[in-house]
Amino acid sequence: MSVQVEKLEKNMAKLTIEVPAEKVEKAIQIVYQKAKKKISIPGFRKGKAPRQLIEKMYGKEVFYEDAIDELLPEAYREAVDECEEELVSRPKIDIVQFESGKPFVFTAEVAVKPVVTLGEYKGVQVEKVPVEVLDEEVEAELMKERETNSRTITVEERAVADGDMVTLDFEGFVDGVPFEGGKGENYDLTIGSGSFIPGFEEQLVGAEIGQDLDVNVTFPEDYHAEELAGKAAVFKCRVNSIKVKELPEIDDEFAQEVSEFDTLDEYKADIRARLLKDKEEDAKKMKEDAVIEKIIAGAQMDIPDPMVDFQTEQLMEDFAQRMQMQGMSISQYFQYTGMTAEQYKEQMKPRALQNIQSRLVLEAVAEAEKIEITDEDVDAEFQRMADLYKMDVEKVKEIFSEERLEDMKKDLAIQKAVDLIRDAAVEE
């Protein structure tokens, strides 16, 4: 197999790939062997018709398309391995020649990794991110923990009050006619949550258990169901039960129940320390992002559009996988949000470009600083992963191929580059 590389404008390249005629013949024969079982020719049992006869009846090109599919992926992979350029997009394939007895020739137009010319990357000035934990933030965390440790009790001797959790039956009517989706039984509703139509929950305040009452509301003009938007409605309701949330007192006893500390002051100090650590990590990340952004602004690189498209597709695939893990297909997500795949792609392009720019400048910094990854660095990363996934470190090593190991080393070099530029940055 031969590969010729032609440099094009804006970091694009055209690969002309030629596959020997004997491989073409072998691929056609493989396709014939697979296809003949499905082909019926008068005078021959199914699957027994000679290739020459099938080609005579249907044309000698009958197996060409499948033979191309058989040959092309492996031929392109081999060409990528032979090519000295680092290719960074999906190829645009054009078939030049495919014919029995002749070499298979095709071209692949593909993006090449851009060369980066760095500007200033050490001593970059960035705005200092203040790190401070306010008393109000500590109190908010206490309130969350208090909410988590609350208990629900049933109330039977009073009417509905704001903040109560009620169970009710209801049916809605517009002009005396019930409407679709307007009926519910034993529905749980927290009064004051704002989860129902404006004005609905407030009218339940004061209702007794078992009492029937009418709730009069008007649907908002922008209501999602157009047939109800702006219309007056009456909901016939009955409250079946009332529950309230009982919150524990915030004192030393509470601290002992929810933490390892004996006093509330000790517990608050621990909350403050944890919040401070989180804020310090956030500030560190914000500083890194700010430094990288400035380095990108000072660098020169010509990023080809197909490279951005490829990164965008990868982001979309990652998002689709996350949606699938949550039990929703990407098509369902688009249906619910009213967004098209093309709109989402356009929305993701700026992020894709940012990812590419960040990676390229950090790789350039790693190269400029001659950052090397030692065996100790690799072992430490394997141990970190083993701890994270609660696996034996040797088992983790076993699942890493040579290619994955090289990717890990590149990522570790990138992280060292991030540490270098962050620590060298000047905070104003």
Protein backbone atom coordinates (compact mmCIF):
# COMPACT_ATOMS: atom_id res chain seq x y z
CA MET A 1 0.00 0.00 0.00
CA SER A 2 1.25 3.50 -0.79
CA VAL A 3 0.30 6.83 0.76
CA GLN A 4 0.94 10.27 -0.70
CA VAL A 5 0.31 13.37 1.43
CA GLU A 6 -0.53 16.73 -0.10
CA LYS A 7 -0.59 19.74 2.24
CA LEU A 8 -3.62 21.99 1.77
CA GLU A 9 -4.50 25.40 3.18
CA LYS A 10 -5.54 25.98 6.80
CA ASN A 11 -3.95 22.82 8.23
CA MET A 12 -5.73 20.42 5.94
CA ALA A 13 -4.13 17.52 4.10
CA LYS A 14 -5.16 15.25 1.26
CA LEU A 15 -4.05 11.64 1.50
CA THR A 16 -4.01 9.62 -1.72
CA ILE A 17 -4.07 5.96 -0.75
CA GLU A 18 -3.43 3.09 -3.16
CA VAL A 19 -4.26 -0.51 -2.24
CA PRO A 20 -2.69 -3.29 -4.35
CA ALA A 21 -4.86 -5.10 -6.90
CA GLU A 22 -4.40 -8.45 -5.15
CA LYS A 23 -6.04 -7.06 -2.01
CA VAL A 24 -8.90 -5.77 -4.15
CA GLU A 25 -9.41 -9.24 -5.62
CA LYS A 26 -9.28 -10.83 -2.17
CA ALA A 27 -11.92 -8.38 -0.83
CA ILE A 28 -14.24 -9.05 -3.78
CA GLN A 29 -13.89 -12.78 -3.22
CA ILE A 30 -14.70 -12.40 0.49
CA VAL A 31 -17.82 -10.40 -0.36
CA TYR A 32 -18.85 -12.95 -2.99
CA GLN A 33 -18.53 -15.81 -0.47
CA LYS A 34 -20.79 -13.93 1.97
CA ALA A 35 -23.33 -12.83 -0.65
CA LYS A 36 -23.71 -15.99 -2.75
CA LYS A 37 -25.76 -17.69 -0.02
CA LYS A 38 -28.53 -15.15 -0.66
CA ILE A 39 -28.41 -15.18 -4.49
CA SER A 40 -30.62 -17.46 -6.57
CA ILE A 41 -29.62 -18.22 -10.17
CA PRO A 42 -31.78 -20.50 -12.37
CA GLY A 43 -30.09 -23.86 -12.78
CA PHE A 44 -28.04 -23.58 -9.57
CA ARG A 45 -28.87 -24.42 -6.01
CA LYS A 46 -28.96 -21.37 -3.76
CA GLY A 47 -25.44 -20.41 -2.76
CA LYS A 48 -23.80 -22.48 -5.52
CA ALA A 49 -23.80 -19.98 -8.41
CA PRO A 50 -20.26 -19.17 -9.70
CA ARG A 51 -19.03 -15.64 -9.18
CA GLN A 52 -18.44 -15.13 -12.91
CA LEU A 53 -22.06 -15.98 -13.69
CA ILE A 54 -23.41 -13.63 -10.99
CA GLU A 55 -21.19 -10.83 -12.31
CA LYS A 56 -22.37 -11.54 -15.86
CA MET A 57 -26.03 -11.35 -14.84
CA TYR A 58 -25.84 -8.37 -12.48
CA GLY A 59 -22.75 -6.58 -13.73
CA LYS A 60 -19.15 -6.94 -12.60
CA GLU A 61 -19.70 -4.04 -10.15
CA VAL A 62 -22.22 -6.08 -8.15
CA PHE A 63 -19.74 -6.72 -5.33
CA TYR A 64 -17.80 -3.46 -5.54
CA GLU A 65 -19.66 -1.45 -2.90
CA ASP A 66 -19.40 -4.14 -0.24
CA ALA A 67 -15.78 -4.81 -1.20
CA ILE A 68 -14.98 -1.12 -0.67
CA ASP A 69 -16.58 -1.35 2.77
CA GLU A 70 -14.42 -4.41 3.43
CA LEU A 71 -11.17 -2.73 2.37
CA LEU A 72 -11.44 0.95 3.18
CA PRO A 73 -11.44 1.08 7.03
CA GLU A 74 -8.29 -1.01 7.41
CA ALA A 75 -6.57 0.75 4.49
CA TYR A 76 -7.28 4.14 6.04
CA ARG A 77 -6.02 3.01 9.47
CA GLU A 78 -2.79 1.78 7.89
CA ALA A 79 -2.43 5.08 6.02
CA VAL A 80 -2.86 7.03 9.26
CA ASP A 81 -0.14 4.92 10.87
CA GLU A 82 2.21 5.53 7.92
CA CYS A 83 1.48 9.25 7.73
CA GLU A 84 3.93 11.42 9.66
CA GLU A 85 1.27 14.07 10.27
CA GLU A 86 -1.03 13.93 13.33
CA LEU A 87 -4.56 13.76 11.92
CA VAL A 88 -7.29 15.36 14.03
CA SER A 89 -10.63 15.00 12.24
CA ARG A 90 -12.82 12.50 10.50
CA PRO A 91 -11.73 12.00 6.87
CA LYS A 92 -13.72 13.11 3.85
CA ILE A 93 -13.40 10.09 1.54
CA ASP A 94 -13.51 10.20 -2.26
CA ILE A 95 -13.23 6.97 -4.30
CA VAL A 96 -10.92 7.53 -7.29
CA GLN A 97 -10.69 3.99 -8.64
CA PHE A 98 -12.13 0.60 -7.78
CA GLU A 99 -12.12 -2.16 -10.35
CA SER A 100 -11.26 -5.83 -10.40
CA GLY A 101 -7.66 -6.37 -11.49
CA LYS A 102 -6.61 -2.80 -10.67
CA PRO A 103 -5.39 -1.05 -7.50
CA PHE A 104 -7.99 0.55 -5.25
CA VAL A 105 -7.31 4.28 -5.10
CA PHE A 106 -9.10 6.73 -2.81
CA THR A 107 -8.40 10.10 -1.23
CA ALA A 108 -9.00 11.25 2.32
CA GLU A 109 -9.18 14.95 3.10
CA VAL A 110 -8.48 15.42 6.79
CA ALA A 111 -7.40 18.06 9.30
CA VAL A 112 -3.83 18.11 10.55
CA LYS A 113 -2.87 19.12 14.09
CA PRO A 114 -2.04 22.85 13.98
CA VAL A 115 1.35 24.22 14.97
CA VAL A 116 1.09 26.52 17.99
CA THR A 117 3.29 29.58 18.44
CA LEU A 118 3.19 30.49 22.11
CA GLY A 119 3.28 34.02 23.43
CA GLU A 120 3.82 34.74 27.11
CA TYR A 121 2.90 31.77 29.27
CA LYS A 122 4.91 32.32 32.45
CA GLY A 123 4.11 35.13 34.82
CA VAL A 124 0.70 35.78 33.26
CA GLN A 125 -1.29 38.31 35.26
CA VAL A 126 -4.77 37.30 36.39
CA GLU A 127 -7.33 38.72 38.80
CA LYS A 128 -7.12 37.26 42.31
CA VAL A 129 -10.15 35.27 43.34
CA PRO A 130 -11.06 36.01 46.99
CA VAL A 131 -11.56 32.97 49.20
CA GLU A 132 -13.76 33.61 52.21
CA VAL A 133 -16.45 31.69 54.04
CA LEU A 134 -19.27 33.86 55.39
CA ASP A 135 -21.25 33.08 58.55
CA GLU A 136 -24.37 33.01 56.40
CA GLU A 137 -22.91 30.19 54.32
CA VAL A 138 -22.17 28.12 57.41
CA GLU A 139 -25.73 28.71 58.62
CA ALA A 140 -27.12 27.69 55.22
CA GLU A 141 -25.25 24.37 55.43
CA LEU A 142 -26.63 23.86 58.94
CA MET A 143 -30.14 24.48 57.64
CA LYS A 144 -29.63 21.92 54.86
CA GLU A 145 -28.53 19.33 57.40
CA ARG A 146 -31.46 20.26 59.62
CA GLU A 147 -33.82 19.80 56.67
CA THR A 148 -32.27 16.40 55.90
CA ASN A 149 -32.85 15.29 59.49
CA SER A 150 -36.42 16.54 59.73
CA ARG A 151 -39.36 14.19 60.21
CA THR A 152 -42.88 14.36 58.86
CA ILE A 153 -45.84 14.15 61.22
CA THR A 154 -49.56 14.00 60.47
CA VAL A 155 -51.82 16.82 61.69
CA GLU A 156 -55.50 16.08 62.26
CA GLU A 157 -56.91 18.82 64.50
CA ARG A 158 -56.40 21.98 62.46
CA ALA A 159 -56.93 23.44 59.00
CA VAL A 160 -54.36 23.77 56.20
CA ALA A 161 -51.65 26.38 56.81
CA ASP A 162 -48.89 27.79 54.62
CA GLY A 163 -45.98 25.36 54.36
CA ASP A 164 -48.10 22.28 55.05
CA MET A 165 -47.83 19.15 52.92
CA VAL A 166 -51.32 18.14 51.90
CA THR A 167 -52.75 15.17 50.04
CA LEU A 168 -55.76 16.15 47.94
CA ASP A 169 -58.15 15.10 45.21
CA PHE A 170 -58.96 17.62 42.54
CA GLU A 171 -60.67 17.99 39.17
CA GLY A 172 -60.51 21.08 36.98
CA PHE A 173 -63.30 22.52 34.82
CA VAL A 174 -63.35 25.24 32.16
CA ASP A 175 -66.84 26.54 31.36
CA GLY A 176 -68.22 23.63 33.36
CA VAL A 177 -66.41 21.01 31.26
CA PRO A 178 -63.54 18.89 32.68
CA PHE A 179 -60.29 19.17 30.73
CA GLU A 180 -57.58 16.63 30.00
CA GLY A 181 -54.85 16.40 32.64
CA GLY A 182 -56.90 18.38 35.16
CA LYS A 183 -57.71 15.53 37.54
CA GLY A 184 -55.67 14.03 40.35
CA GLU A 185 -56.23 11.72 43.32
CA ASN A 186 -54.19 11.64 46.53
CA TYR A 187 -51.88 14.21 45.02
CA ASP A 188 -49.10 15.46 47.32
CA LEU A 189 -48.70 19.23 47.35
CA THR A 190 -46.66 21.55 49.57
CA ILE A 191 -48.55 24.78 50.17
CA GLY A 192 -46.42 27.73 49.10
CA SER A 193 -44.19 25.71 46.77
CA GLY A 194 -45.56 27.48 43.69
CA SER A 195 -45.83 24.19 41.82
CA PHE A 196 -49.48 24.75 40.89
CA ILE A 197 -51.15 27.53 38.90
CA PRO A 198 -50.75 30.96 40.58
CA GLY A 199 -53.44 31.46 43.21
CA PHE A 200 -54.30 27.77 43.61
CA GLU A 201 -52.28 26.91 46.70
CA GLU A 202 -53.22 30.06 48.61
CA GLN A 203 -56.94 29.19 48.38
CA LEU A 204 -56.33 25.87 50.14
CA VAL A 205 -55.14 27.65 53.28
CA GLY A 206 -57.84 27.28 55.91
CA ALA A 207 -59.40 24.17 54.39
CA GLU A 208 -60.33 21.37 56.79
CA ILE A 209 -59.58 17.67 56.24
CA GLY A 210 -62.43 16.10 54.25
CA GLN A 211 -63.83 19.48 53.25
CA ASP A 212 -64.93 20.05 49.64
CA LEU A 213 -64.09 23.44 48.19
CA ASP A 214 -63.86 25.22 44.86
CA VAL A 215 -60.60 26.88 43.88
CA ASN A 216 -60.94 29.56 41.19
CA VAL A 217 -57.88 30.36 39.08
CA THR A 218 -56.95 31.77 35.68
CA PHE A 219 -54.35 29.98 33.56
CA PRO A 220 -51.38 32.18 32.59
CA GLU A 221 -51.40 33.60 29.06
CA ASP A 222 -48.17 31.70 28.30
CA TYR A 223 -49.43 28.36 29.67
CA HIS A 224 -47.91 25.42 27.78
CA ALA A 225 -51.33 23.98 26.86
CA GLU A 226 -52.62 26.54 24.35
CA GLU A 227 -56.24 25.43 24.74
CA LEU A 228 -56.13 26.49 28.43
CA ALA A 229 -53.91 29.60 28.20
CA GLY A 230 -55.63 32.67 29.68
CA LYS A 231 -58.82 30.82 30.58
CA ALA A 232 -60.65 30.85 33.92
CA ALA A 233 -60.99 27.48 35.62
CA VAL A 234 -62.62 25.99 38.69
CA PHE A 235 -60.94 23.14 40.56
CA LYS A 236 -63.17 21.07 42.81
CA CYS A 237 -60.90 19.95 45.63
CA ARG A 238 -60.92 17.83 48.76
CA VAL A 239 -58.09 17.74 51.30
CA ASN A 240 -57.46 14.16 52.45
CA SER A 241 -54.61 14.71 54.90
CA ILE A 242 -52.27 17.34 56.32
CA LYS A 243 -48.65 16.77 57.25
CA VAL A 244 -45.98 19.08 58.58
CA LYS A 245 -42.24 18.88 58.68
CA GLU A 246 -40.81 18.87 62.19
CA LEU A 247 -37.28 20.29 62.32
CA PRO A 248 -34.78 19.44 65.07
CA GLU A 249 -33.28 22.10 67.32
CA ILE A 250 -29.81 23.30 66.31
CA ASP A 251 -27.79 22.56 69.43
CA ASP A 252 -25.02 20.31 70.77
CA GLU A 253 -27.30 17.29 70.70
CA PHE A 254 -28.02 17.91 67.01
CA ALA A 255 -24.28 18.15 66.32
CA GLN A 256 -23.69 14.83 68.06
CA GLU A 257 -26.43 13.13 66.00
CA VAL A 258 -25.29 14.32 62.56
CA SER A 259 -21.50 14.47 63.00
CA GLU A 260 -18.53 13.12 64.92
CA PHE A 261 -18.35 16.24 67.09
CA ASP A 262 -19.61 16.80 70.64
CA THR A 263 -20.52 20.47 70.37
CA LEU A 264 -22.26 22.69 67.85
CA ASP A 265 -19.26 25.02 67.73
CA GLU A 266 -16.97 22.17 66.73
CA TYR A 267 -19.43 21.08 64.07
CA LYS A 268 -19.69 24.63 62.69
CA ALA A 269 -15.90 24.87 62.58
CA ASP A 270 -15.77 21.66 60.54
CA ILE A 271 -18.43 22.97 58.13
CA ARG A 272 -16.42 26.18 57.72
CA ALA A 273 -13.23 24.20 57.03
CA ARG A 274 -14.99 22.07 54.39
CA LEU A 275 -16.52 25.10 52.70
CA LEU A 276 -13.13 26.81 52.71
CA LYS A 277 -11.50 23.80 51.08
CA ASP A 278 -14.18 23.71 48.38
CA LYS A 279 -13.78 27.43 47.72
CA GLU A 280 -10.01 27.09 47.51
CA GLU A 281 -10.43 24.33 44.92
CA ASP A 282 -12.89 26.49 42.97
CA ALA A 283 -10.51 29.46 43.12
CA LYS A 284 -7.65 27.25 41.93
CA LYS A 285 -9.73 26.10 38.95
CA MET A 286 -10.82 29.66 38.15
CA LYS A 287 -7.20 30.78 38.22
CA GLU A 288 -6.18 27.96 35.90
CA ASP A 289 -8.98 28.83 33.47
CA ALA A 290 -8.04 32.52 33.52
CA VAL A 291 -4.36 31.77 32.88
CA ILE A 292 -5.15 29.37 30.02
CA GLU A 293 -7.52 31.93 28.48
CA LYS A 294 -4.76 34.56 28.49
CA ILE A 295 -2.23 32.15 27.01
CA ILE A 296 -4.69 31.27 24.25
CA ALA A 297 -5.20 34.96 23.51
CA GLY A 298 -1.45 35.43 23.18
CA ALA A 299 -0.82 32.33 21.06
CA GLN A 300 -1.06 31.85 17.31
CA MET A 301 -2.75 28.78 15.83
CA ASP A 302 -4.89 28.15 12.79
CA ILE A 303 -7.55 25.62 13.73
CA PRO A 304 -9.27 23.86 10.79
CA ASP A 305 -13.07 23.70 10.82
CA PRO A 306 -13.21 19.86 10.54
CA MET A 307 -11.19 19.63 13.75
CA VAL A 308 -13.85 21.71 15.54
CA ASP A 309 -16.62 19.61 13.96
CA PHE A 310 -14.95 16.41 15.16
CA GLN A 311 -14.60 17.72 18.73
CA THR A 312 -18.22 18.90 18.65
CA GLU A 313 -19.38 15.43 17.59
CA GLN A 314 -17.42 13.89 20.46
CA LEU A 315 -19.06 16.28 22.94
CA MET A 316 -22.47 15.36 21.54
CA GLU A 317 -21.69 11.64 21.84
CA ASP A 318 -20.57 12.13 25.45
CA PHE A 319 -23.79 14.03 26.21
CA ALA A 320 -25.91 11.32 24.57
CA GLN A 321 -24.20 8.67 26.71
CA ARG A 322 -24.88 10.67 29.89
CA MET A 323 -28.53 11.03 28.88
CA GLN A 324 -28.72 7.29 28.22
CA MET A 325 -27.37 6.58 31.71
CA GLN A 326 -30.22 8.71 33.08
CA GLY A 327 -32.76 6.71 31.10
CA MET A 328 -33.37 9.21 28.32
CA SER A 329 -32.38 8.95 24.67
CA ILE A 330 -30.90 11.96 22.89
CA SER A 331 -33.94 12.06 20.58
CA GLN A 332 -36.24 12.27 23.62
CA TYR A 333 -34.11 15.10 25.01
CA PHE A 334 -34.47 17.03 21.76
CA GLN A 335 -38.20 16.36 21.76
CA TYR A 336 -38.67 17.64 25.33
CA THR A 337 -36.49 20.74 24.83
CA GLY A 338 -37.73 21.58 21.35
CA MET A 339 -34.13 21.71 20.14
CA THR A 340 -32.81 20.07 16.98
CA ALA A 341 -29.54 18.15 16.73
CA GLU A 342 -28.16 20.87 14.46
CA GLN A 343 -29.07 23.61 16.96
CA TYR A 344 -27.41 21.69 19.77
CA LYS A 345 -24.32 21.19 17.61
CA GLU A 346 -24.06 24.93 16.96
CA GLN A 347 -24.49 25.55 20.68
CA MET A 348 -21.62 23.18 21.47
CA LYS A 349 -19.14 24.56 18.91
CA PRO A 350 -17.73 27.37 21.11
CA ARG A 351 -17.01 24.86 23.87
CA ALA A 352 -15.42 22.49 21.35
CA LEU A 353 -13.18 25.28 20.08
CA GLN A 354 -12.21 26.25 23.64
CA ASN A 355 -11.32 22.62 24.42
CA ILE A 356 -9.12 22.39 21.34
CA GLN A 357 -7.36 25.69 22.02
CA SER A 358 -6.72 24.76 25.65
CA ARG A 359 -5.30 21.37 24.77
CA LEU A 360 -3.07 22.74 22.02
CA VAL A 361 -1.50 25.50 24.12
CA LEU A 362 -0.95 23.17 27.07
CA GLU A 363 0.70 20.59 24.81
CA ALA A 364 2.88 23.40 23.45
CA VAL A 365 3.84 24.46 27.00
CA ALA A 366 4.68 20.85 27.90
CA GLU A 367 6.89 20.62 24.83
CA ALA A 368 8.55 24.01 25.42
CA GLU A 369 9.31 23.08 29.03
CA LYS A 370 10.44 19.57 28.05
CA ILE A 371 8.04 18.07 30.58
CA GLU A 372 8.61 14.34 30.99
CA ILE A 373 6.47 11.74 32.68
CA THR A 374 8.42 9.33 34.86
CA ASP A 375 7.59 5.77 35.85
CA GLU A 376 6.85 7.14 39.33
CA ASP A 377 4.28 9.53 37.83
CA VAL A 378 2.57 6.65 36.01
CA ASP A 379 2.57 4.43 39.11
CA ALA A 380 1.07 7.24 41.19
CA GLU A 381 -1.71 7.70 38.63
CA PHE A 382 -2.44 3.98 38.58
CA GLN A 383 -2.66 4.02 42.38
CA ARG A 384 -4.99 7.04 42.30
CA MET A 385 -7.29 5.24 39.86
CA ALA A 386 -7.17 2.04 41.93
CA ASP A 387 -8.18 3.98 45.04
CA LEU A 388 -10.93 5.80 43.15
CA TYR A 389 -12.51 2.65 41.71
CA LYS A 390 -11.63 0.46 44.70
CA MET A 391 -9.65 -1.96 42.55
CA ASP A 392 -6.33 -3.72 42.92
CA VAL A 393 -3.67 -1.59 41.27
CA GLU A 394 -2.37 -4.53 39.24
CA LYS A 395 -5.87 -5.10 37.85
CA VAL A 396 -5.99 -1.46 36.75
CA LYS A 397 -2.67 -1.84 34.96
CA GLU A 398 -3.90 -4.94 33.15
CA ILE A 399 -6.78 -3.12 31.44
CA PHE A 400 -4.50 -0.44 30.00
CA SER A 401 -3.33 -1.02 26.45
CA GLU A 402 -0.18 0.63 25.12
CA GLU A 403 -2.32 3.23 23.37
CA ARG A 404 -4.25 4.05 26.54
CA LEU A 405 -1.01 4.24 28.49
CA GLU A 406 0.38 6.78 26.02
CA ASP A 407 -2.83 8.82 26.32
CA MET A 408 -2.46 8.74 30.10
CA LYS A 409 1.11 10.03 29.86
CA LYS A 410 -0.05 12.87 27.58
CA ASP A 411 -2.77 13.79 30.08
CA LEU A 412 -0.28 13.76 32.96
CA ALA A 413 2.04 16.03 30.97
CA ILE A 414 -0.89 18.37 30.34
CA GLN A 415 -1.63 18.50 34.08
CA LYS A 416 2.00 19.30 34.84
CA ALA A 417 1.83 22.11 32.29
CA VAL A 418 -1.31 23.43 34.02
CA ASP A 419 0.44 23.34 37.41
CA LEU A 420 3.43 25.18 35.96
CA ILE A 421 1.53 28.07 34.37
CA ARG A 422 -0.83 28.40 37.36
CA ASP A 423 1.98 28.55 39.92
CA ALA A 424 3.91 31.01 37.76
CA ALA A 425 0.93 33.33 37.27
CA VAL A 426 0.78 36.69 39.06
CA GLU A 427 -2.46 37.51 40.89
CA GLU A 428 -3.43 41.17 40.84
